[in-house]
Amino acid sequence: MALSPRPSPTPLSLADLNALSEDAFAAHFAGVLEHSPHYARVAAGQRPFADAEAAARAFMEAARSGTPDEQVALIRAHPDLAGKAALAGELTDESAGEQASAGLDRLNADEYAEFGRLNAAYHEKFGLPYVVCVRENDKAGIFAGARRRLDHTPEQEREAALHEIGRIARLRVLDLIRR
């Protein structure tokens, strides 16, 4: 099944997003951190932002602001790449578009099987999905990164996943700000 990107909210100017109520800000940026819209309220508290990168950093910092258990929950909120949710069309709008941008909606049978093995290995070893900023990678890089990161310790992998979530958040925030 092909993933179909869906439209995002209309980007706002920096002045407009700095002027939003906390509720409106949280609604506009709800999809930045996967199934974790409450982090938008954390980021909102850091306004006013001097520029779009400052807004992006606020989300990256928000993702790391939780307890270790909250960080694991944030990582687990991400879908498996080319996994069951993708095949069933159950990804968030943001994830669907991102996975499609990396060609993960056009995998052949062998590639789907390889993702299945890698996803299973990640869950077995770490109890987490493999999280990577797919917009900054191609298919080959995504596969290679997954194989390489399977050599991580659980602590290294949690750190790597949070780093990637920060990269994902940065791009999603920049998409929502008119520059």
N, C-alpha and C. Protein backbone atom coordinates (compact mmCIF):
# COMPACT_ATOMS: atom_id res chain seq x y z
N MET A 1 0.85 -1.18 0.00
CA MET A 1 0.00 0.00 0.00
C MET A 1 0.88 1.23 0.00
N ALA A 2 0.62 2.17 -0.83
CA ALA A 2 1.41 3.39 -0.91
C ALA A 2 0.99 4.37 0.18
N LEU A 3 1.99 5.02 0.75
CA LEU A 3 1.73 6.06 1.73
C LEU A 3 1.39 7.33 0.97
N SER A 4 0.44 8.08 1.45
CA SER A 4 0.10 9.32 0.76
C SER A 4 0.28 10.49 1.71
N PRO A 5 1.18 11.41 1.37
CA PRO A 5 1.35 12.58 2.22
C PRO A 5 0.06 13.39 2.27
N ARG A 6 -0.22 13.94 3.42
CA ARG A 6 -1.41 14.77 3.60
C ARG A 6 -0.96 16.19 3.91
N PRO A 7 -1.78 17.17 3.63
CA PRO A 7 -1.36 18.56 3.84
C PRO A 7 -1.15 18.89 5.31
N SER A 8 -0.15 19.73 5.57
CA SER A 8 0.15 20.23 6.91
C SER A 8 -0.59 21.53 7.13
N PRO A 9 -0.65 22.00 8.38
CA PRO A 9 -1.24 23.33 8.61
C PRO A 9 -0.47 24.39 7.82
N THR A 10 -1.14 25.48 7.52
CA THR A 10 -0.51 26.58 6.80
C THR A 10 0.61 27.16 7.66
N PRO A 11 1.81 27.32 7.08
CA PRO A 11 2.90 27.91 7.86
C PRO A 11 2.55 29.32 8.32
N LEU A 12 3.02 29.65 9.50
CA LEU A 12 2.79 30.97 10.09
C LEU A 12 4.08 31.76 10.11
N SER A 13 3.96 33.07 10.11
CA SER A 13 5.14 33.92 10.29
C SER A 13 5.61 33.79 11.73
N LEU A 14 6.86 34.15 11.95
CA LEU A 14 7.40 34.10 13.30
C LEU A 14 6.61 35.03 14.24
N ALA A 15 6.26 36.20 13.76
CA ALA A 15 5.49 37.13 14.58
C ALA A 15 4.14 36.53 14.95
N ASP A 16 3.48 35.87 14.00
CA ASP A 16 2.18 35.27 14.28
C ASP A 16 2.30 34.13 15.28
N LEU A 17 3.31 33.27 15.14
CA LEU A 17 3.40 32.14 16.08
C LEU A 17 3.79 32.62 17.46
N ASN A 18 4.59 33.68 17.54
CA ASN A 18 4.93 34.23 18.86
C ASN A 18 3.72 34.85 19.54
N ALA A 19 2.74 35.28 18.76
CA ALA A 19 1.54 35.93 19.31
C ALA A 19 0.40 34.96 19.61
N LEU A 20 0.51 33.71 19.19
CA LEU A 20 -0.55 32.73 19.42
C LEU A 20 -0.78 32.49 20.91
N SER A 21 -2.02 32.18 21.24
CA SER A 21 -2.28 31.71 22.60
C SER A 21 -1.58 30.36 22.77
N GLU A 22 -1.39 29.93 23.99
CA GLU A 22 -0.75 28.64 24.21
C GLU A 22 -1.54 27.51 23.55
N ASP A 23 -2.87 27.57 23.65
CA ASP A 23 -3.71 26.54 23.03
C ASP A 23 -3.56 26.52 21.51
N ALA A 24 -3.57 27.71 20.88
CA ALA A 24 -3.43 27.78 19.43
C ALA A 24 -2.03 27.33 18.99
N PHE A 25 -1.02 27.71 19.76
CA PHE A 25 0.34 27.27 19.46
C PHE A 25 0.42 25.75 19.54
N ALA A 26 -0.13 25.19 20.61
CA ALA A 26 -0.10 23.73 20.79
C ALA A 26 -0.84 23.03 19.66
N ALA A 27 -1.94 23.59 19.21
CA ALA A 27 -2.69 22.98 18.11
C ALA A 27 -1.89 23.05 16.80
N HIS A 28 -1.27 24.17 16.53
CA HIS A 28 -0.51 24.35 15.28
C HIS A 28 0.67 23.38 15.21
N PHE A 29 1.32 23.16 16.34
CA PHE A 29 2.53 22.34 16.38
C PHE A 29 2.30 20.95 16.99
N ALA A 30 1.05 20.53 17.07
CA ALA A 30 0.72 19.25 17.72
C ALA A 30 1.40 18.06 17.09
N GLY A 31 1.65 18.07 15.80
CA GLY A 31 2.23 16.92 15.12
C GLY A 31 3.75 16.89 15.06
N VAL A 32 4.40 17.84 15.70
CA VAL A 32 5.86 17.91 15.61
C VAL A 32 6.51 16.70 16.27
N LEU A 33 6.09 16.35 17.45
CA LEU A 33 6.63 15.18 18.15
C LEU A 33 5.55 14.11 18.16
N GLU A 34 5.86 13.01 17.53
CA GLU A 34 4.93 11.92 17.21
C GLU A 34 4.01 11.54 18.37
N HIS A 35 2.71 11.69 18.19
CA HIS A 35 1.69 11.32 19.18
C HIS A 35 2.00 11.91 20.56
N SER A 36 2.64 13.07 20.58
CA SER A 36 3.05 13.70 21.84
C SER A 36 2.83 15.20 21.79
N PRO A 37 1.57 15.63 21.59
CA PRO A 37 1.31 17.06 21.41
C PRO A 37 1.59 17.90 22.66
N HIS A 38 1.67 17.26 23.82
CA HIS A 38 1.92 18.02 25.05
C HIS A 38 3.28 18.72 25.04
N TYR A 39 4.21 18.24 24.24
CA TYR A 39 5.51 18.90 24.15
C TYR A 39 5.40 20.27 23.48
N ALA A 40 4.38 20.49 22.69
CA ALA A 40 4.20 21.80 22.07
C ALA A 40 3.95 22.85 23.14
N ARG A 41 3.28 22.46 24.22
CA ARG A 41 3.06 23.42 25.32
C ARG A 41 4.38 23.75 26.02
N VAL A 42 5.25 22.76 26.14
CA VAL A 42 6.57 23.01 26.73
C VAL A 42 7.33 24.01 25.87
N ALA A 43 7.31 23.78 24.56
CA ALA A 43 8.00 24.69 23.63
C ALA A 43 7.38 26.08 23.65
N ALA A 44 6.06 26.15 23.77
CA ALA A 44 5.38 27.45 23.78
C ALA A 44 5.89 28.33 24.91
N GLY A 45 6.25 27.72 26.02
CA GLY A 45 6.73 28.47 27.17
C GLY A 45 8.08 29.15 26.95
N GLN A 46 8.74 28.82 25.86
CA GLN A 46 10.05 29.42 25.58
C GLN A 46 9.95 30.63 24.64
N ARG A 47 8.73 31.00 24.26
CA ARG A 47 8.56 32.16 23.39
C ARG A 47 8.84 33.44 24.15
N PRO A 48 9.15 34.52 23.44
CA PRO A 48 9.16 34.66 21.99
C PRO A 48 10.45 34.09 21.38
N PHE A 49 10.31 33.58 20.17
CA PHE A 49 11.44 33.04 19.45
C PHE A 49 12.04 34.13 18.56
N ALA A 50 13.36 34.19 18.53
CA ALA A 50 14.05 35.18 17.70
C ALA A 50 14.02 34.81 16.23
N ASP A 51 13.97 33.50 15.97
CA ASP A 51 13.96 33.03 14.58
C ASP A 51 13.41 31.61 14.54
N ALA A 52 13.28 31.08 13.33
CA ALA A 52 12.71 29.73 13.17
C ALA A 52 13.59 28.67 13.81
N GLU A 53 14.90 28.83 13.74
CA GLU A 53 15.80 27.85 14.37
C GLU A 53 15.63 27.84 15.88
N ALA A 54 15.36 28.99 16.48
CA ALA A 54 15.12 29.03 17.92
C ALA A 54 13.85 28.26 18.27
N ALA A 55 12.83 28.39 17.44
CA ALA A 55 11.60 27.61 17.67
C ALA A 55 11.89 26.12 17.54
N ALA A 56 12.67 25.75 16.54
CA ALA A 56 13.02 24.35 16.35
C ALA A 56 13.81 23.82 17.55
N ARG A 57 14.75 24.61 18.05
CA ARG A 57 15.53 24.19 19.24
C ARG A 57 14.63 23.98 20.44
N ALA A 58 13.59 24.78 20.58
CA ALA A 58 12.67 24.63 21.71
C ALA A 58 12.02 23.25 21.69
N PHE A 59 11.68 22.76 20.51
CA PHE A 59 11.08 21.42 20.41
C PHE A 59 12.12 20.34 20.65
N MET A 60 13.33 20.56 20.17
CA MET A 60 14.39 19.59 20.39
C MET A 60 14.68 19.47 21.89
N GLU A 61 14.69 20.60 22.58
CA GLU A 61 14.91 20.60 24.03
C GLU A 61 13.72 19.99 24.76
N ALA A 62 12.52 20.27 24.29
CA ALA A 62 11.33 19.70 24.93
C ALA A 62 11.36 18.17 24.86
N ALA A 63 11.82 17.63 23.74
CA ALA A 63 11.89 16.18 23.58
C ALA A 63 12.83 15.55 24.59
N ARG A 64 13.83 16.28 25.02
CA ARG A 64 14.80 15.76 25.99
C ARG A 64 14.47 16.14 27.43
N SER A 65 13.41 16.90 27.61
CA SER A 65 13.11 17.45 28.93
C SER A 65 12.46 16.46 29.89
N GLY A 66 11.97 15.38 29.38
CA GLY A 66 11.24 14.44 30.23
C GLY A 66 12.15 13.52 31.03
N THR A 67 11.53 12.77 31.89
CA THR A 67 12.23 11.75 32.66
C THR A 67 12.68 10.65 31.69
N PRO A 68 13.57 9.77 32.13
CA PRO A 68 13.94 8.65 31.25
C PRO A 68 12.73 7.84 30.78
N ASP A 69 11.75 7.61 31.63
CA ASP A 69 10.55 6.88 31.22
C ASP A 69 9.75 7.67 30.17
N GLU A 70 9.66 8.99 30.35
CA GLU A 70 8.95 9.82 29.36
C GLU A 70 9.70 9.83 28.03
N GLN A 71 11.02 9.82 28.08
CA GLN A 71 11.81 9.77 26.84
C GLN A 71 11.57 8.46 26.10
N VAL A 72 11.55 7.36 26.84
CA VAL A 72 11.27 6.06 26.22
C VAL A 72 9.87 6.06 25.61
N ALA A 73 8.91 6.64 26.32
CA ALA A 73 7.54 6.71 25.79
C ALA A 73 7.51 7.52 24.49
N LEU A 74 8.25 8.61 24.43
CA LEU A 74 8.32 9.42 23.21
C LEU A 74 8.92 8.61 22.06
N ILE A 75 9.98 7.88 22.34
CA ILE A 75 10.59 7.04 21.30
C ILE A 75 9.59 5.98 20.83
N ARG A 76 8.93 5.35 21.77
CA ARG A 76 7.96 4.30 21.42
C ARG A 76 6.73 4.84 20.69
N ALA A 77 6.50 6.14 20.75
CA ALA A 77 5.37 6.73 20.03
C ALA A 77 5.63 6.75 18.52
N HIS A 78 6.86 6.51 18.11
CA HIS A 78 7.20 6.51 16.69
C HIS A 78 6.88 5.15 16.07
N PRO A 79 6.43 5.17 14.83
CA PRO A 79 6.09 3.91 14.17
C PRO A 79 7.33 3.19 13.65
N ASP A 80 7.20 1.89 13.47
CA ASP A 80 8.23 1.14 12.76
C ASP A 80 8.27 1.64 11.33
N LEU A 81 9.46 1.76 10.78
CA LEU A 81 9.59 2.16 9.38
C LEU A 81 9.08 1.04 8.49
N ALA A 82 8.25 1.40 7.54
CA ALA A 82 7.66 0.42 6.61
C ALA A 82 7.03 -0.75 7.36
N GLY A 83 6.44 -0.46 8.52
CA GLY A 83 5.83 -1.50 9.35
C GLY A 83 4.34 -1.62 9.13
N LYS A 84 3.70 -2.29 10.07
CA LYS A 84 2.27 -2.57 9.95
C LYS A 84 1.43 -1.30 9.85
N ALA A 85 1.78 -0.27 10.62
CA ALA A 85 1.01 0.97 10.57
C ALA A 85 1.09 1.60 9.19
N ALA A 86 2.27 1.54 8.58
CA ALA A 86 2.42 2.10 7.22
C ALA A 86 1.58 1.31 6.23
N LEU A 87 1.65 0.01 6.32
CA LEU A 87 0.89 -0.83 5.39
C LEU A 87 -0.61 -0.65 5.55
N ALA A 88 -1.04 -0.38 6.78
CA ALA A 88 -2.47 -0.21 7.05
C ALA A 88 -2.93 1.24 6.84
N GLY A 89 -2.01 2.14 6.50
CA GLY A 89 -2.37 3.54 6.31
C GLY A 89 -2.69 4.24 7.61
N GLU A 90 -2.06 3.81 8.71
CA GLU A 90 -2.36 4.35 10.03
C GLU A 90 -1.28 5.27 10.58
N LEU A 91 -0.39 5.76 9.73
CA LEU A 91 0.64 6.68 10.18
C LEU A 91 0.07 8.07 10.38
N THR A 92 0.75 8.87 11.20
CA THR A 92 0.37 10.28 11.29
C THR A 92 0.63 10.92 9.93
N ASP A 93 0.01 12.04 9.69
CA ASP A 93 0.23 12.76 8.43
C ASP A 93 1.72 13.01 8.21
N GLU A 94 2.40 13.43 9.27
CA GLU A 94 3.81 13.77 9.16
C GLU A 94 4.65 12.54 8.80
N SER A 95 4.44 11.43 9.50
CA SER A 95 5.21 10.21 9.23
C SER A 95 4.93 9.65 7.85
N ALA A 96 3.68 9.72 7.42
CA ALA A 96 3.35 9.21 6.09
C ALA A 96 4.13 9.95 5.02
N GLY A 97 4.15 11.27 5.09
CA GLY A 97 4.87 12.06 4.11
C GLY A 97 6.37 11.82 4.17
N GLU A 98 6.89 11.71 5.37
CA GLU A 98 8.33 11.51 5.53
C GLU A 98 8.75 10.14 4.99
N GLN A 99 8.01 9.10 5.34
CA GLN A 99 8.38 7.78 4.85
C GLN A 99 8.28 7.73 3.32
N ALA A 100 7.28 8.38 2.77
CA ALA A 100 7.16 8.42 1.31
C ALA A 100 8.32 9.18 0.68
N SER A 101 8.78 10.25 1.34
CA SER A 101 9.88 11.04 0.78
C SER A 101 11.17 10.25 0.68
N ALA A 102 11.33 9.24 1.50
CA ALA A 102 12.52 8.39 1.47
C ALA A 102 12.32 7.14 0.62
N GLY A 103 11.16 7.03 -0.01
CA GLY A 103 10.90 5.88 -0.87
C GLY A 103 10.44 4.64 -0.12
N LEU A 104 10.08 4.81 1.15
CA LEU A 104 9.67 3.64 1.93
C LEU A 104 8.28 3.14 1.56
N ASP A 105 7.60 3.89 0.71
CA ASP A 105 6.30 3.44 0.21
C ASP A 105 6.45 2.67 -1.10
N ARG A 106 7.67 2.53 -1.55
CA ARG A 106 7.93 1.86 -2.82
C ARG A 106 8.95 0.73 -2.66
N LEU A 107 8.93 0.05 -1.54
CA LEU A 107 9.87 -1.04 -1.29
C LEU A 107 9.44 -2.29 -2.04
N ASN A 108 10.42 -3.06 -2.47
CA ASN A 108 10.10 -4.36 -3.06
C ASN A 108 9.93 -5.38 -1.93
N ALA A 109 9.54 -6.59 -2.27
CA ALA A 109 9.25 -7.61 -1.26
C ALA A 109 10.46 -7.91 -0.39
N ASP A 110 11.65 -7.96 -0.98
CA ASP A 110 12.86 -8.23 -0.20
C ASP A 110 13.14 -7.09 0.79
N GLU A 111 12.93 -5.85 0.36
CA GLU A 111 13.17 -4.70 1.24
C GLU A 111 12.16 -4.68 2.39
N TYR A 112 10.89 -4.98 2.10
CA TYR A 112 9.90 -5.07 3.18
C TYR A 112 10.29 -6.15 4.18
N ALA A 113 10.75 -7.29 3.67
CA ALA A 113 11.16 -8.38 4.56
C ALA A 113 12.35 -7.96 5.41
N GLU A 114 13.31 -7.24 4.81
CA GLU A 114 14.47 -6.76 5.56
C GLU A 114 14.04 -5.77 6.65
N PHE A 115 13.12 -4.85 6.33
CA PHE A 115 12.63 -3.94 7.36
C PHE A 115 11.93 -4.73 8.46
N GLY A 116 11.19 -5.75 8.10
CA GLY A 116 10.54 -6.58 9.12
C GLY A 116 11.56 -7.20 10.05
N ARG A 117 12.65 -7.72 9.51
CA ARG A 117 13.71 -8.32 10.35
C ARG A 117 14.37 -7.27 11.23
N LEU A 118 14.68 -6.11 10.64
CA LEU A 118 15.32 -5.06 11.43
C LEU A 118 14.40 -4.54 12.53
N ASN A 119 13.13 -4.31 12.20
CA ASN A 119 12.17 -3.86 13.21
C ASN A 119 12.07 -4.87 14.35
N ALA A 120 12.00 -6.15 14.02
CA ALA A 120 11.91 -7.20 15.05
C ALA A 120 13.17 -7.22 15.90
N ALA A 121 14.33 -7.07 15.28
CA ALA A 121 15.59 -7.06 16.03
C ALA A 121 15.65 -5.87 16.99
N TYR A 122 15.17 -4.71 16.55
CA TYR A 122 15.14 -3.53 17.41
C TYR A 122 14.25 -3.75 18.62
N HIS A 123 13.07 -4.27 18.38
CA HIS A 123 12.15 -4.50 19.49
C HIS A 123 12.71 -5.55 20.44
N GLU A 124 13.34 -6.56 19.89
CA GLU A 124 13.92 -7.62 20.72
C GLU A 124 15.05 -7.08 21.59
N LYS A 125 15.96 -6.33 21.00
CA LYS A 125 17.15 -5.86 21.73
C LYS A 125 16.86 -4.65 22.62
N PHE A 126 16.10 -3.68 22.11
CA PHE A 126 15.93 -2.42 22.82
C PHE A 126 14.54 -2.18 23.37
N GLY A 127 13.55 -2.91 22.88
CA GLY A 127 12.17 -2.63 23.26
C GLY A 127 11.68 -1.32 22.66
N LEU A 128 12.29 -0.91 21.55
CA LEU A 128 12.01 0.37 20.90
C LEU A 128 11.94 0.18 19.39
N PRO A 129 11.27 1.11 18.70
CA PRO A 129 11.36 1.12 17.24
C PRO A 129 12.68 1.77 16.84
N TYR A 130 13.11 1.48 15.64
CA TYR A 130 14.27 2.17 15.05
C TYR A 130 13.78 3.53 14.58
N VAL A 131 14.32 4.60 15.15
CA VAL A 131 13.91 5.95 14.81
C VAL A 131 15.05 6.64 14.08
N VAL A 132 14.74 7.17 12.91
CA VAL A 132 15.73 7.90 12.12
C VAL A 132 15.00 9.02 11.38
N CYS A 133 15.70 10.11 11.16
CA CYS A 133 15.14 11.21 10.39
C CYS A 133 15.21 10.81 8.92
N VAL A 134 14.14 10.22 8.41
CA VAL A 134 14.17 9.68 7.05
C VAL A 134 14.33 10.77 6.00
N ARG A 135 13.89 11.98 6.29
CA ARG A 135 14.03 13.06 5.31
C ARG A 135 15.49 13.42 5.05
N GLU A 136 16.37 13.04 5.94
CA GLU A 136 17.79 13.33 5.77
C GLU A 136 18.56 12.10 5.30
N ASN A 137 17.86 11.06 4.88
CA ASN A 137 18.49 9.82 4.46
C ASN A 137 17.79 9.27 3.22
N ASP A 138 18.49 8.39 2.55
CA ASP A 138 17.86 7.63 1.49
C ASP A 138 17.67 6.20 2.01
N LYS A 139 17.05 5.38 1.20
CA LYS A 139 16.75 4.00 1.60
C LYS A 139 18.00 3.26 2.07
N ALA A 140 19.05 3.35 1.28
CA ALA A 140 20.29 2.63 1.61
C ALA A 140 20.86 3.11 2.95
N GLY A 141 20.84 4.41 3.18
CA GLY A 141 21.34 4.95 4.44
C GLY A 141 20.49 4.54 5.63
N ILE A 142 19.20 4.43 5.42
CA ILE A 142 18.30 4.02 6.50
C ILE A 142 18.59 2.57 6.88
N PHE A 143 18.73 1.70 5.88
CA PHE A 143 19.07 0.30 6.15
C PHE A 143 20.42 0.19 6.85
N ALA A 144 21.44 0.89 6.33
CA ALA A 144 22.78 0.81 6.91
C ALA A 144 22.79 1.32 8.35
N GLY A 145 22.08 2.41 8.59
CA GLY A 145 22.02 2.96 9.95
C GLY A 145 21.38 1.99 10.92
N ALA A 146 20.33 1.33 10.50
CA ALA A 146 19.66 0.36 11.38
C ALA A 146 20.61 -0.78 11.73
N ARG A 147 21.29 -1.30 10.73
CA ARG A 147 22.23 -2.41 10.99
C ARG A 147 23.34 -1.96 11.94
N ARG A 148 23.89 -0.78 11.72
CA ARG A 148 24.96 -0.25 12.55
C ARG A 148 24.49 0.00 13.98
N ARG A 149 23.31 0.57 14.12
CA ARG A 149 22.83 0.92 15.46
C ARG A 149 22.40 -0.30 16.26
N LEU A 150 22.21 -1.42 15.63
CA LEU A 150 21.91 -2.63 16.39
C LEU A 150 23.09 -3.04 17.27
N ASP A 151 24.28 -2.50 17.02
CA ASP A 151 25.45 -2.76 17.86
C ASP A 151 25.49 -1.86 19.09
N HIS A 152 24.59 -0.90 19.19
CA HIS A 152 24.54 0.00 20.34
C HIS A 152 24.17 -0.73 21.62
N THR A 153 24.55 -0.11 22.73
CA THR A 153 24.00 -0.51 24.02
C THR A 153 22.61 0.12 24.12
N PRO A 154 21.76 -0.33 25.03
CA PRO A 154 20.45 0.33 25.17
C PRO A 154 20.57 1.83 25.45
N GLU A 155 21.55 2.23 26.25
CA GLU A 155 21.73 3.65 26.55
C GLU A 155 22.14 4.43 25.30
N GLN A 156 23.07 3.86 24.52
CA GLN A 156 23.49 4.52 23.28
C GLN A 156 22.32 4.64 22.31
N GLU A 157 21.51 3.61 22.25
CA GLU A 157 20.39 3.65 21.30
C GLU A 157 19.34 4.65 21.73
N ARG A 158 19.07 4.75 23.02
CA ARG A 158 18.12 5.76 23.48
C ARG A 158 18.62 7.15 23.11
N GLU A 159 19.91 7.40 23.31
CA GLU A 159 20.50 8.69 22.95
C GLU A 159 20.42 8.93 21.44
N ALA A 160 20.72 7.90 20.65
CA ALA A 160 20.65 8.04 19.19
C ALA A 160 19.22 8.32 18.74
N ALA A 161 18.25 7.63 19.33
CA ALA A 161 16.85 7.85 18.96
C ALA A 161 16.41 9.27 19.32
N LEU A 162 16.80 9.76 20.49
CA LEU A 162 16.44 11.13 20.88
C LEU A 162 17.10 12.16 19.96
N HIS A 163 18.32 11.89 19.55
CA HIS A 163 18.99 12.78 18.60
C HIS A 163 18.20 12.83 17.29
N GLU A 164 17.80 11.68 16.80
CA GLU A 164 17.04 11.62 15.54
C GLU A 164 15.67 12.28 15.70
N ILE A 165 15.04 12.10 16.85
CA ILE A 165 13.75 12.77 17.10
C ILE A 165 13.94 14.29 17.06
N GLY A 166 15.03 14.77 17.59
CA GLY A 166 15.33 16.19 17.51
C GLY A 166 15.48 16.67 16.08
N ARG A 167 16.11 15.88 15.23
CA ARG A 167 16.28 16.22 13.82
C ARG A 167 14.93 16.21 13.11
N ILE A 168 14.10 15.22 13.42
CA ILE A 168 12.75 15.15 12.85
C ILE A 168 11.95 16.39 13.27
N ALA A 169 11.99 16.69 14.57
CA ALA A 169 11.24 17.83 15.09
C ALA A 169 11.68 19.13 14.43
N ARG A 170 12.99 19.30 14.26
CA ARG A 170 13.50 20.53 13.63
C ARG A 170 12.88 20.72 12.25
N LEU A 171 12.90 19.69 11.44
CA LEU A 171 12.35 19.82 10.08
C LEU A 171 10.85 20.07 10.11
N ARG A 172 10.15 19.40 11.01
CA ARG A 172 8.70 19.60 11.10
C ARG A 172 8.37 21.02 11.55
N VAL A 173 9.12 21.55 12.51
CA VAL A 173 8.88 22.93 12.96
C VAL A 173 9.15 23.90 11.81
N LEU A 174 10.28 23.72 11.13
CA LEU A 174 10.61 24.63 10.03
C LEU A 174 9.55 24.59 8.94
N ASP A 175 8.91 23.43 8.73
CA ASP A 175 7.82 23.34 7.75
C ASP A 175 6.62 24.19 8.14
N LEU A 176 6.47 24.45 9.44
CA LEU A 176 5.29 25.15 9.95
C LEU A 176 5.51 26.65 10.18
N ILE A 177 6.70 27.10 9.80
CA ILE A 177 7.02 28.53 9.97
C ILE A 177 7.34 29.12 8.60
N ARG A 178 6.65 30.20 8.28
CA ARG A 178 6.89 30.90 7.02
C ARG A 178 8.13 31.76 7.19
N ARG A 179 9.09 31.54 6.31
CA ARG A 179 10.33 32.30 6.40
C ARG A 179 10.55 33.12 5.16
